[in-house]
Every structure is written in structure tokens, then in C-alpha cells.
Amino acid sequence: MKICVLGGGVIGVTTAYYLAEAG
């Protein structure tokens, strides 16, 4: 998953949340 590639921590969580909200 791209989320894992982007990295963990705050950035990873924020990205995951953003993608989830984006659809």
C-alpha cells in the first residue's frame, strides 16, 4: 500500500486519514 511507502508516524497517520476521507 502507498500509505506504508510514505512512511509511519504523524505523516503516515495523517496521510492515511486524508486518503480515507478523500475516498
N, C-alpha and C. Protein backbone atom coordinates (compact mmCIF):
# COMPACT_ATOMS: atom_id res chain seq x y z
N MET A 1 0.84 -1.21 0.00
CA MET A 1 0.00 0.00 0.00
C MET A 1 0.86 1.25 0.00
N LYS A 2 0.42 2.26 -0.71
CA LYS A 2 1.19 3.51 -0.81
C LYS A 2 1.38 4.15 0.56
N ILE A 3 0.41 3.96 1.45
CA ILE A 3 0.49 4.55 2.79
C ILE A 3 1.75 4.07 3.50
N CYS A 4 2.04 2.77 3.34
CA CYS A 4 3.22 2.20 4.00
C CYS A 4 4.49 2.79 3.42
N VAL A 5 4.49 3.04 2.10
CA VAL A 5 5.67 3.58 1.43
C VAL A 5 5.94 5.02 1.89
N LEU A 6 4.87 5.77 2.10
CA LEU A 6 5.01 7.17 2.51
C LEU A 6 5.70 7.28 3.86
N GLY A 7 5.56 6.24 4.66
CA GLY A 7 6.23 6.25 5.96
C GLY A 7 5.24 6.19 7.11
N GLY A 8 5.78 6.07 8.34
CA GLY A 8 4.92 5.97 9.51
C GLY A 8 4.91 7.26 10.30
N GLY A 9 4.47 7.17 11.56
CA GLY A 9 4.44 8.36 12.40
C GLY A 9 3.29 9.28 12.03
N VAL A 10 3.41 10.54 12.40
CA VAL A 10 2.34 11.52 12.16
C VAL A 10 2.03 11.63 10.67
N ILE A 11 3.07 11.66 9.84
CA ILE A 11 2.86 11.80 8.39
C ILE A 11 2.05 10.62 7.86
N GLY A 12 2.42 9.42 8.29
CA GLY A 12 1.72 8.23 7.82
C GLY A 12 0.26 8.24 8.25
N VAL A 13 0.03 8.57 9.53
CA VAL A 13 -1.33 8.60 10.06
C VAL A 13 -2.15 9.68 9.36
N THR A 14 -1.55 10.85 9.18
CA THR A 14 -2.26 11.96 8.52
C THR A 14 -2.60 11.59 7.08
N THR A 15 -1.64 10.99 6.39
CA THR A 15 -1.87 10.58 5.00
C THR A 15 -2.97 9.55 4.93
N ALA A 16 -2.92 8.56 5.81
CA ALA A 16 -3.93 7.50 5.82
C ALA A 16 -5.31 8.10 6.08
N TYR A 17 -5.39 9.03 7.03
CA TYR A 17 -6.66 9.67 7.37
C TYR A 17 -7.16 10.50 6.19
N TYR A 18 -6.25 11.22 5.54
CA TYR A 18 -6.62 12.06 4.40
C TYR A 18 -7.15 11.20 3.26
N LEU A 19 -6.44 10.11 2.96
CA LEU A 19 -6.86 9.23 1.88
C LEU A 19 -8.20 8.60 2.21
N ALA A 20 -8.41 8.27 3.47
CA ALA A 20 -9.67 7.66 3.88
C ALA A 20 -10.82 8.65 3.70
N GLU A 21 -10.59 9.89 4.07
CA GLU A 21 -11.61 10.94 3.93
C GLU A 21 -11.83 11.27 2.46
N ALA A 22 -10.74 11.23 1.67
CA ALA A 22 -10.83 11.57 0.25
C ALA A 22 -11.63 10.50 -0.49
N GLY A 23 -11.63 9.29 0.03
CA GLY A 23 -12.40 8.25 -0.60
C GLY A 23 -11.51 7.11 -1.03
